[in-house]
Every structure is written in structure tokens, then in C-alpha cells.
């Protein structure tokens, strides 16, 4: 994946801090996993202040993404394969 925009992301937060994204994922998603900076989602490495919360909503993945010169966003994209990979490699934060 060359560009995250090719996934047609739904923007849930714009210009957010890493802490705001973490809190939003924890509140919004029933299934939350924590990853380290550099974890790749759709072959794109995410950055942030650990722990980086990544959420699952059915077959969608919710995660913070930083675009140079634009700031940090919380986005939601479909991704069956990424959801399964996250379940295997992420540190579970629990299910509600």
C-alpha cells in the first residue's frame, strides 16, 4: 500500500494528540490492542507515543495515523486480514 488515502479512510478525529486517539479508541471499540511505534498496518508504519491503541469494530480497524504536515488523525478502514494479524500480534487490551 503506497498511500493510506487509497483505503478511503473514515476520519473520526482530525488534528488530535496521540493521547486523544488512544482514549477515543479505548472508549469507542469493544476490542482494543496495543502496539509499539513502527507496527505496520497495510504496509504503512504507524508512529506515536506508546502504547498505541488500535481498535477493532467488526471487520474494521481503527487506528491513529500521522500525515506529515497535516497532523494526527484517528481513522477507520475495512481490513479483514489486518484485523486477524492484529489479533495475533497485538497486546490485547481487553474486550468490553
PDB file of N, CA and C in Angstrom:
ATOM      1  N   UNK A   1       0.853  -1.171   0.000  1.00  0.00           N
ATOM      2  CA  UNK A   1       0.000   0.000   0.000  1.00  0.00           C
ATOM      3  C   UNK A   1       0.893   1.226   0.000  1.00  0.00           C
ATOM      4  N   UNK A   2       0.810   2.007  -1.029  1.00  0.00           N
ATOM      5  CA  UNK A   2       1.657   3.184  -1.149  1.00  0.00           C
ATOM      6  C   UNK A   2       1.128   4.359  -0.331  1.00  0.00           C
ATOM      7  N   UNK A   3      -0.183   4.475  -0.245  1.00  0.00           N
ATOM      8  CA  UNK A   3      -0.767   5.643   0.412  1.00  0.00           C
ATOM      9  C   UNK A   3      -2.015   5.232   1.180  1.00  0.00           C
ATOM     10  N   UNK A   4      -2.118   5.691   2.402  1.00  0.00           N
ATOM     11  CA  UNK A   4      -3.268   5.352   3.242  1.00  0.00           C
ATOM     12  C   UNK A   4      -4.567   5.878   2.630  1.00  0.00           C
ATOM     13  N   UNK A   5      -4.491   6.941   1.838  1.00  0.00           N
ATOM     14  CA  UNK A   5      -5.685   7.506   1.208  1.00  0.00           C
ATOM     15  C   UNK A   5      -6.342   6.533   0.236  1.00  0.00           C
ATOM     16  N   UNK A   6      -5.576   5.560  -0.268  1.00  0.00           N
ATOM     17  CA  UNK A   6      -6.136   4.564  -1.180  1.00  0.00           C
ATOM     18  C   UNK A   6      -7.141   3.657  -0.480  1.00  0.00           C
ATOM     19  N   UNK A   7      -7.120   3.640   0.848  1.00  0.00           N
ATOM     20  CA  UNK A   7      -8.046   2.815   1.616  1.00  0.00           C
ATOM     21  C   UNK A   7      -9.379   3.519   1.860  1.00  0.00           C
ATOM     22  N   UNK A   8      -9.504   4.753   1.406  1.00  0.00           N
ATOM     23  CA  UNK A   8     -10.703   5.562   1.640  1.00  0.00           C
ATOM     24  C   UNK A   8     -11.079   5.579   3.120  1.00  0.00           C
ATOM     25  N   UNK A   9     -10.190   6.102   3.952  1.00  0.00           N
ATOM     26  CA  UNK A   9     -10.447   6.077   5.393  1.00  0.00           C
ATOM     27  C   UNK A   9     -11.596   6.983   5.803  1.00  0.00           C
ATOM     28  N   UNK A  10     -12.272   6.562   6.855  1.00  0.00           N
ATOM     29  CA  UNK A  10     -13.255   7.414   7.517  1.00  0.00           C
ATOM     30  C   UNK A  10     -12.495   8.128   8.627  1.00  0.00           C
ATOM     31  N   UNK A  11     -12.514   9.451   8.625  1.00  0.00           N
ATOM     32  CA  UNK A  11     -11.776  10.225   9.621  1.00  0.00           C
ATOM     33  C   UNK A  11     -12.671  10.438  10.841  1.00  0.00           C
ATOM     34  N   UNK A  12     -12.235   9.892  11.972  1.00  0.00           N
ATOM     35  CA  UNK A  12     -13.002  10.001  13.205  1.00  0.00           C
ATOM     36  C   UNK A  12     -12.561  11.201  14.039  1.00  0.00           C
ATOM     37  N   UNK A  13     -11.274  11.509  14.023  1.00  0.00           N
ATOM     38  CA  UNK A  13     -10.714  12.688  14.689  1.00  0.00           C
ATOM     39  C   UNK A  13      -9.676  13.310  13.762  1.00  0.00           C
ATOM     40  N   UNK A  14      -9.576  14.616  13.792  1.00  0.00           N
ATOM     41  CA  UNK A  14      -8.565  15.333  12.996  1.00  0.00           C
ATOM     42  C   UNK A  14      -7.764  16.231  13.924  1.00  0.00           C
ATOM     43  N   UNK A  15      -6.473  16.314  13.660  1.00  0.00           N
ATOM     44  CA  UNK A  15      -5.613  17.182  14.457  1.00  0.00           C
ATOM     45  C   UNK A  15      -5.577  16.786  15.920  1.00  0.00           C
ATOM     46  N   UNK A  16      -5.643  15.512  16.185  1.00  0.00           N
ATOM     47  CA  UNK A  16      -5.701  15.016  17.559  1.00  0.00           C
ATOM     48  C   UNK A  16      -4.309  14.717  18.093  1.00  0.00           C
ATOM     49  N   UNK A  17      -4.202  14.620  19.395  1.00  0.00           N
ATOM     50  CA  UNK A  17      -2.951  14.193  20.009  1.00  0.00           C
ATOM     51  C   UNK A  17      -2.946  12.667  20.066  1.00  0.00           C
ATOM     52  N   UNK A  18      -1.785  12.088  20.339  1.00  0.00           N
ATOM     53  CA  UNK A  18      -1.709  10.633  20.472  1.00  0.00           C
ATOM     54  C   UNK A  18      -2.563  10.174  21.651  1.00  0.00           C
ATOM     55  N   UNK A  19      -2.556  10.936  22.737  1.00  0.00           N
ATOM     56  CA  UNK A  19      -3.363  10.583  23.913  1.00  0.00           C
ATOM     57  C   UNK A  19      -4.856  10.638  23.591  1.00  0.00           C
ATOM     58  N   UNK A  20      -5.292  11.646  22.831  1.00  0.00           N
ATOM     59  CA  UNK A  20      -6.697  11.742  22.446  1.00  0.00           C
ATOM     60  C   UNK A  20      -7.112  10.555  21.576  1.00  0.00           C
ATOM     61  N   UNK A  21      -6.232  10.144  20.680  1.00  0.00           N
ATOM     62  CA  UNK A  21      -6.529   8.983  19.835  1.00  0.00           C
ATOM     63  C   UNK A  21      -6.642   7.721  20.674  1.00  0.00           C
ATOM     64  N   UNK A  22      -5.707   7.527  21.606  1.00  0.00           N
ATOM     65  CA  UNK A  22      -5.742   6.347  22.476  1.00  0.00           C
ATOM     66  C   UNK A  22      -7.053   6.295  23.266  1.00  0.00           C
ATOM     67  N   UNK A  23      -7.426   7.420  23.863  1.00  0.00           N
ATOM     68  CA  UNK A  23      -8.659   7.484  24.644  1.00  0.00           C
ATOM     69  C   UNK A  23      -9.879   7.202  23.777  1.00  0.00           C
ATOM     70  N   UNK A  24      -9.911   7.768  22.580  1.00  0.00           N
ATOM     71  CA  UNK A  24     -11.053   7.557  21.680  1.00  0.00           C
ATOM     72  C   UNK A  24     -11.176   6.091  21.273  1.00  0.00           C
ATOM     73  N   UNK A  25     -10.058   5.441  20.982  1.00  0.00           N
ATOM     74  CA  UNK A  25     -10.096   4.018  20.622  1.00  0.00           C
ATOM     75  C   UNK A  25     -10.606   3.203  21.802  1.00  0.00           C
ATOM     76  N   UNK A  26     -10.091   3.488  22.979  1.00  0.00           N
ATOM     77  CA  UNK A  26     -10.489   2.733  24.177  1.00  0.00           C
ATOM     78  C   UNK A  26     -11.976   2.902  24.491  1.00  0.00           C
ATOM     79  N   UNK A  27     -12.524   4.088  24.244  1.00  0.00           N
ATOM     80  CA  UNK A  27     -13.938   4.339  24.514  1.00  0.00           C
ATOM     81  C   UNK A  27     -14.838   3.789  23.413  1.00  0.00           C
ATOM     82  N   UNK A  28     -14.377   3.863  22.180  1.00  0.00           N
ATOM     83  CA  UNK A  28     -15.206   3.533  21.025  1.00  0.00           C
ATOM     84  C   UNK A  28     -15.260   2.036  20.725  1.00  0.00           C
ATOM     85  N   UNK A  29     -14.144   1.352  20.875  1.00  0.00           N
ATOM     86  CA  UNK A  29     -14.023  -0.021  20.375  1.00  0.00           C
ATOM     87  C   UNK A  29     -14.190  -1.059  21.482  1.00  0.00           C
ATOM     88  N   UNK A  30     -14.906  -2.097  21.174  1.00  0.00           N
ATOM     89  CA  UNK A  30     -15.097  -3.204  22.115  1.00  0.00           C
ATOM     90  C   UNK A  30     -13.835  -4.045  22.219  1.00  0.00           C
ATOM     91  N   UNK A  31     -13.042  -4.060  21.170  1.00  0.00           N
ATOM     92  CA  UNK A  31     -11.831  -4.874  21.117  1.00  0.00           C
ATOM     93  C   UNK A  31     -10.647  -3.936  20.872  1.00  0.00           C
ATOM     94  N   UNK A  32      -9.697  -3.893  21.818  1.00  0.00           N
ATOM     95  CA  UNK A  32      -8.565  -2.973  21.734  1.00  0.00           C
ATOM     96  C   UNK A  32      -7.263  -3.755  21.883  1.00  0.00           C
ATOM     97  N   UNK A  33      -6.289  -3.404  21.059  1.00  0.00           N
ATOM     98  CA  UNK A  33      -4.951  -3.999  21.121  1.00  0.00           C
ATOM     99  C   UNK A  33      -3.945  -2.863  21.188  1.00  0.00           C
ATOM    100  N   UNK A  34      -2.794  -3.153  21.785  1.00  0.00           N
ATOM    101  CA  UNK A  34      -1.732  -2.152  21.891  1.00  0.00           C
ATOM    102  C   UNK A  34      -0.532  -2.624  21.099  1.00  0.00           C
ATOM    103  N   UNK A  35       0.027  -1.693  20.334  1.00  0.00           N
ATOM    104  CA  UNK A  35       1.195  -1.993  19.507  1.00  0.00           C
ATOM    105  C   UNK A  35       2.266  -0.949  19.776  1.00  0.00           C
ATOM    106  N   UNK A  36       3.477  -1.288  19.403  1.00  0.00           N
ATOM    107  CA  UNK A  36       4.593  -0.359  19.537  1.00  0.00           C
ATOM    108  C   UNK A  36       4.703   0.525  18.305  1.00  0.00           C
ATOM    109  N   UNK A  37       5.310   1.700  18.446  1.00  0.00           N
ATOM    110  CA  UNK A  37       5.566   2.528  17.269  1.00  0.00           C
ATOM    111  C   UNK A  37       6.346   1.712  16.244  1.00  0.00           C
ATOM    112  N   UNK A  38       5.986   1.897  14.982  1.00  0.00           N
ATOM    113  CA  UNK A  38       6.623   1.146  13.908  1.00  0.00           C
ATOM    114  C   UNK A  38       5.815  -0.046  13.441  1.00  0.00           C
ATOM    115  N   UNK A  39       4.769  -0.411  14.201  1.00  0.00           N
ATOM    116  CA  UNK A  39       3.903  -1.520  13.783  1.00  0.00           C
ATOM    117  C   UNK A  39       3.283  -1.155  12.440  1.00  0.00           C
ATOM    118  N   UNK A  40       3.282  -2.099  11.507  1.00  0.00           N
ATOM    119  CA  UNK A  40       2.775  -1.831  10.160  1.00  0.00           C
ATOM    120  C   UNK A  40       1.329  -2.270  10.023  1.00  0.00           C
ATOM    121  N   UNK A  41       0.505  -1.369   9.546  1.00  0.00           N
ATOM    122  CA  UNK A  41      -0.878  -1.659   9.184  1.00  0.00           C
ATOM    123  C   UNK A  41      -0.994  -1.326   7.706  1.00  0.00           C
ATOM    124  N   UNK A  42      -1.396  -2.295   6.904  1.00  0.00           N
ATOM    125  CA  UNK A  42      -1.466  -2.127   5.448  1.00  0.00           C
ATOM    126  C   UNK A  42      -0.114  -1.674   4.893  1.00  0.00           C
ATOM    127  N   UNK A  43       0.960  -2.233   5.409  1.00  0.00           N
ATOM    128  CA  UNK A  43       2.327  -1.925   4.988  1.00  0.00           C
ATOM    129  C   UNK A  43       2.737  -0.473   5.253  1.00  0.00           C
ATOM    130  N   UNK A  44       1.996   0.204   6.100  1.00  0.00           N
ATOM    131  CA  UNK A  44       2.318   1.565   6.492  1.00  0.00           C
ATOM    132  C   UNK A  44       2.635   1.554   7.981  1.00  0.00           C
ATOM    133  N   UNK A  45       3.807   2.020   8.348  1.00  0.00           N
ATOM    134  CA  UNK A  45       4.223   2.018   9.744  1.00  0.00           C
ATOM    135  C   UNK A  45       3.570   3.181  10.480  1.00  0.00           C
ATOM    136  N   UNK A  46       2.987   2.870  11.639  1.00  0.00           N
ATOM    137  CA  UNK A  46       2.361   3.928  12.409  1.00  0.00           C
ATOM    138  C   UNK A  46       3.334   4.421  13.473  1.00  0.00           C
ATOM    139  N   UNK A  47       3.195   5.686  13.791  1.00  0.00           N
ATOM    140  CA  UNK A  47       4.057   6.292  14.791  1.00  0.00           C
ATOM    141  C   UNK A  47       3.178   6.813  15.920  1.00  0.00           C
ATOM    142  N   UNK A  48       3.805   7.078  17.036  1.00  0.00           N
ATOM    143  CA  UNK A  48       3.054   7.613  18.157  1.00  0.00           C
ATOM    144  C   UNK A  48       3.762   7.359  19.460  1.00  0.00           C
ATOM    145  N   UNK A  49       3.139   7.822  20.518  1.00  0.00           N
ATOM    146  CA  UNK A  49       3.656   7.639  21.863  1.00  0.00           C
ATOM    147  C   UNK A  49       3.051   6.344  22.402  1.00  0.00           C
ATOM    148  N   UNK A  50       3.897   5.382  22.791  1.00  0.00           N
ATOM    149  CA  UNK A  50       3.354   4.118  23.255  1.00  0.00           C
ATOM    150  C   UNK A  50       2.642   4.264  24.600  1.00  0.00           C
ATOM    151  N   UNK A  51       1.668   3.429  24.864  1.00  0.00           N
ATOM    152  CA  UNK A  51       1.178   2.372  23.990  1.00  0.00           C
ATOM    153  C   UNK A  51       0.207   2.947  22.949  1.00  0.00           C
ATOM    154  N   UNK A  52       0.309   2.460  21.725  1.00  0.00           N
ATOM    155  CA  UNK A  52      -0.591   2.908  20.664  1.00  0.00           C
ATOM    156  C   UNK A  52      -1.786   1.957  20.648  1.00  0.00           C
ATOM    157  N   UNK A  53      -2.958   2.507  20.889  1.00  0.00           N
ATOM    158  CA  UNK A  53      -4.183   1.711  20.906  1.00  0.00           C
ATOM    159  C   UNK A  53      -4.723   1.585  19.487  1.00  0.00           C
ATOM    160  N   UNK A  54      -5.044   0.345  19.107  1.00  0.00           N
ATOM    161  CA  UNK A  54      -5.649   0.052  17.812  1.00  0.00           C
ATOM    162  C   UNK A  54      -6.911  -0.738  18.114  1.00  0.00           C
ATOM    163  N   UNK A  55      -8.023  -0.301  17.538  1.00  0.00           N
ATOM    164  CA  UNK A  55      -9.296  -0.940  17.835  1.00  0.00           C
ATOM    165  C   UNK A  55      -9.847  -1.736  16.682  1.00  0.00           C
ATOM    166  N   UNK A  56     -10.748  -2.649  17.021  1.00  0.00           N
ATOM    167  CA  UNK A  56     -11.440  -3.467  16.033  1.00  0.00           C
ATOM    168  C   UNK A  56     -12.935  -3.261  16.213  1.00  0.00           C
ATOM    169  N   UNK A  57     -13.597  -2.965  15.091  1.00  0.00           N
ATOM    170  CA  UNK A  57     -15.062  -2.861  15.044  1.00  0.00           C
ATOM    171  C   UNK A  57     -15.522  -3.764  13.909  1.00  0.00           C
ATOM    172  N   UNK A  58     -15.973  -4.958  14.254  1.00  0.00           N
ATOM    173  CA  UNK A  58     -16.349  -5.966  13.263  1.00  0.00           C
ATOM    174  C   UNK A  58     -15.169  -6.236  12.331  1.00  0.00           C
ATOM    175  N   UNK A  59     -15.284  -5.866  11.059  1.00  0.00           N
ATOM    176  CA  UNK A  59     -14.189  -6.090  10.115  1.00  0.00           C
ATOM    177  C   UNK A  59     -13.413  -4.801   9.828  1.00  0.00           C
ATOM    178  N   UNK A  60     -13.597  -3.802  10.672  1.00  0.00           N
ATOM    179  CA  UNK A  60     -12.899  -2.528  10.511  1.00  0.00           C
ATOM    180  C   UNK A  60     -11.801  -2.407  11.559  1.00  0.00           C
ATOM    181  N   UNK A  61     -10.763  -1.673  11.198  1.00  0.00           N
ATOM    182  CA  UNK A  61      -9.669  -1.400  12.117  1.00  0.00           C
ATOM    183  C   UNK A  61      -9.623   0.110  12.347  1.00  0.00           C
ATOM    184  N   UNK A  62      -9.451   0.517  13.588  1.00  0.00           N
ATOM    185  CA  UNK A  62      -9.436   1.935  13.982  1.00  0.00           C
ATOM    186  C   UNK A  62      -8.070   2.219  14.576  1.00  0.00           C
ATOM    187  N   UNK A  63      -7.359   3.177  13.983  1.00  0.00           N
ATOM    188  CA  UNK A  63      -6.005   3.453  14.461  1.00  0.00           C
ATOM    189  C   UNK A  63      -5.589   4.890  14.174  1.00  0.00           C
ATOM    190  N   UNK A  64      -4.612   5.392  14.946  1.00  0.00           N
ATOM    191  CA  UNK A  64      -4.101   6.743  14.703  1.00  0.00           C
ATOM    192  C   UNK A  64      -3.128   6.718  13.529  1.00  0.00           C
ATOM    193  N   UNK A  65      -3.172   7.754  12.744  1.00  0.00           N
ATOM    194  CA  UNK A  65      -2.265   7.868  11.608  1.00  0.00           C
ATOM    195  C   UNK A  65      -1.786   9.306  11.518  1.00  0.00           C
ATOM    196  N   UNK A  66      -0.488   9.477  11.408  1.00  0.00           N
ATOM    197  CA  UNK A  66       0.090  10.811  11.310  1.00  0.00           C
ATOM    198  C   UNK A  66       0.524  11.072   9.874  1.00  0.00           C
ATOM    199  N   UNK A  67       0.002  12.153   9.299  1.00  0.00           N
ATOM    200  CA  UNK A  67       0.384  12.574   7.956  1.00  0.00           C
ATOM    201  C   UNK A  67       1.329  13.766   8.118  1.00  0.00           C
ATOM    202  N   UNK A  68       2.535  13.658   7.575  1.00  0.00           N
ATOM    203  CA  UNK A  68       3.464  14.789   7.682  1.00  0.00           C
ATOM    204  C   UNK A  68       2.800  16.091   7.210  1.00  0.00           C
ATOM    205  N   UNK A  69       3.012  17.110   7.955  1.00  0.00           N
ATOM    206  CA  UNK A  69       2.493  18.460   7.677  1.00  0.00           C
ATOM    207  C   UNK A  69       0.985  18.609   7.917  1.00  0.00           C
ATOM    208  N   UNK A  70       0.283  17.519   8.239  1.00  0.00           N
ATOM    209  CA  UNK A  70      -1.157  17.606   8.462  1.00  0.00           C
ATOM    210  C   UNK A  70      -1.564  17.236   9.881  1.00  0.00           C
ATOM    211  N   UNK A  71      -0.721  16.493  10.583  1.00  0.00           N
ATOM    212  CA  UNK A  71      -1.029  16.127  11.958  1.00  0.00           C
ATOM    213  C   UNK A  71      -1.515  14.696  12.087  1.00  0.00           C
ATOM    214  N   UNK A  72      -2.075  14.413  13.262  1.00  0.00           N
ATOM    215  CA  UNK A  72      -2.510  13.065  13.585  1.00  0.00           C
ATOM    216  C   UNK A  72      -4.022  12.962  13.482  1.00  0.00           C
ATOM    217  N   UNK A  73      -4.452  11.858  12.902  1.00  0.00           N
ATOM    218  CA  UNK A  73      -5.865  11.573  12.689  1.00  0.00           C
ATOM    219  C   UNK A  73      -6.187  10.218  13.306  1.00  0.00           C
ATOM    220  N   UNK A  74      -7.413  10.023  13.687  1.00  0.00           N
ATOM    221  CA  UNK A  74      -7.892   8.697  14.043  1.00  0.00           C
ATOM    222  C   UNK A  74      -8.757   8.264  12.871  1.00  0.00           C
ATOM    223  N   UNK A  75      -8.395   7.128  12.271  1.00  0.00           N
ATOM    224  CA  UNK A  75      -9.111   6.695  11.080  1.00  0.00           C
ATOM    225  C   UNK A  75      -9.694   5.299  11.277  1.00  0.00           C
ATOM    226  N   UNK A  76     -10.684   5.008  10.445  1.00  0.00           N
ATOM    227  CA  UNK A  76     -11.367   3.707  10.449  1.00  0.00           C
ATOM    228  C   UNK A  76     -11.391   3.210   9.015  1.00  0.00           C
ATOM    229  N   UNK A  77     -10.867   1.989   8.810  1.00  0.00           N
ATOM    230  CA  UNK A  77     -10.821   1.410   7.466  1.00  0.00           C
ATOM    231  C   UNK A  77     -11.188  -0.071   7.533  1.00  0.00           C
ATOM    232  N   UNK A  78     -11.766  -0.609   6.449  1.00  0.00           N
ATOM    233  CA  UNK A  78     -12.043  -2.041   6.423  1.00  0.00           C
ATOM    234  C   UNK A  78     -10.743  -2.811   6.286  1.00  0.00           C
ATOM    235  N   UNK A  79     -10.689  -3.977   6.906  1.00  0.00           N
ATOM    236  CA  UNK A  79      -9.447  -4.734   6.797  1.00  0.00           C
ATOM    237  C   UNK A  79      -9.478  -6.082   7.480  1.00  0.00           C
ATOM    238  N   UNK A  80     -10.174  -7.057   6.893  1.00  0.00           N
ATOM    239  CA  UNK A  80     -10.259  -8.392   7.475  1.00  0.00           C
ATOM    240  C   UNK A  80      -8.890  -8.976   7.808  1.00  0.00           C
ATOM    241  N   UNK A  81      -7.960  -8.945   6.849  1.00  0.00           N
ATOM    242  CA  UNK A  81      -6.639  -9.542   7.063  1.00  0.00           C
ATOM    243  C   UNK A  81      -5.855  -8.806   8.144  1.00  0.00           C
ATOM    244  N   UNK A  82      -5.948  -7.492   8.160  1.00  0.00           N
ATOM    245  CA  UNK A  82      -5.246  -6.716   9.173  1.00  0.00           C
ATOM    246  C   UNK A  82      -5.834  -6.963  10.560  1.00  0.00           C
ATOM    247  N   UNK A  83      -7.141  -7.146  10.642  1.00  0.00           N
ATOM    248  CA  UNK A  83      -7.775  -7.438  11.926  1.00  0.00           C
ATOM    249  C   UNK A  83      -7.236  -8.757  12.470  1.00  0.00           C
ATOM    250  N   UNK A  84      -7.156  -9.763  11.640  1.00  0.00           N
ATOM    251  CA  UNK A  84      -6.655 -11.062  12.086  1.00  0.00           C
ATOM    252  C   UNK A  84      -5.186 -10.985  12.491  1.00  0.00           C
ATOM    253  N   UNK A  85      -4.393 -10.253  11.735  1.00  0.00           N
ATOM    254  CA  UNK A  85      -2.970 -10.091  12.064  1.00  0.00           C
ATOM    255  C   UNK A  85      -2.814  -9.357  13.392  1.00  0.00           C
ATOM    256  N   UNK A  86      -3.627  -8.332  13.611  1.00  0.00           N
ATOM    257  CA  UNK A  86      -3.598  -7.576  14.866  1.00  0.00           C
ATOM    258  C   UNK A  86      -3.960  -8.475  16.040  1.00  0.00           C
ATOM    259  N   UNK A  87      -4.958  -9.308  15.854  1.00  0.00           N
ATOM    260  CA  UNK A  87      -5.358 -10.234  16.932  1.00  0.00           C
ATOM    261  C   UNK A  87      -4.222 -11.185  17.298  1.00  0.00           C
ATOM    262  N   UNK A  88      -3.379 -11.516  16.339  1.00  0.00           N
ATOM    263  CA  UNK A  88      -2.265 -12.432  16.582  1.00  0.00           C
ATOM    264  C   UNK A  88      -1.052 -11.726  17.172  1.00  0.00           C
ATOM    265  N   UNK A  89      -0.784 -10.485  16.737  1.00  0.00           N
ATOM    266  CA  UNK A  89       0.459  -9.822  17.107  1.00  0.00           C
ATOM    267  C   UNK A  89       0.327  -8.712  18.137  1.00  0.00           C
ATOM    268  N   UNK A  90      -0.845  -8.133  18.275  1.00  0.00           N
ATOM    269  CA  UNK A  90      -1.022  -7.026  19.220  1.00  0.00           C
ATOM    270  C   UNK A  90      -1.163  -7.537  20.650  1.00  0.00           C
ATOM    271  N   UNK A  91      -0.925  -6.644  21.600  1.00  0.00           N
ATOM    272  CA  UNK A  91      -1.120  -6.966  23.015  1.00  0.00           C
ATOM    273  C   UNK A  91      -2.567  -6.638  23.364  1.00  0.00           C
ATOM    274  N   UNK A  92      -3.364  -7.644  23.703  1.00  0.00           N
ATOM    275  CA  UNK A  92      -4.786  -7.394  23.968  1.00  0.00           C
ATOM    276  C   UNK A  92      -4.978  -6.417  25.121  1.00  0.00           C
ATOM    277  N   UNK A  93      -5.899  -5.503  24.913  1.00  0.00           N
ATOM    278  CA  UNK A  93      -6.246  -4.550  25.951  1.00  0.00           C
ATOM    279  C   UNK A  93      -7.575  -4.901  26.568  1.00  0.00           C
ATOM    280  N   UNK A  94      -8.169  -5.984  26.090  1.00  0.00           N
ATOM    281  CA  UNK A  94      -9.431  -6.422  26.652  1.00  0.00           C
ATOM    282  C   UNK A  94     -10.588  -6.179  25.723  1.00  0.00           C
ATOM    283  N   UNK A  95     -11.654  -6.866  26.023  1.00  0.00           N
ATOM    284  CA  UNK A  95     -12.895  -6.719  25.260  1.00  0.00           C
ATOM    285  C   UNK A  95     -13.969  -6.277  26.236  1.00  0.00           C
ATOM    286  N   UNK A  96     -14.846  -5.420  25.748  1.00  0.00           N
ATOM    287  CA  UNK A  96     -15.956  -4.967  26.591  1.00  0.00           C
ATOM    288  C   UNK A  96     -17.185  -5.776  26.248  1.00  0.00           C
TER     289      UNK A  96
END
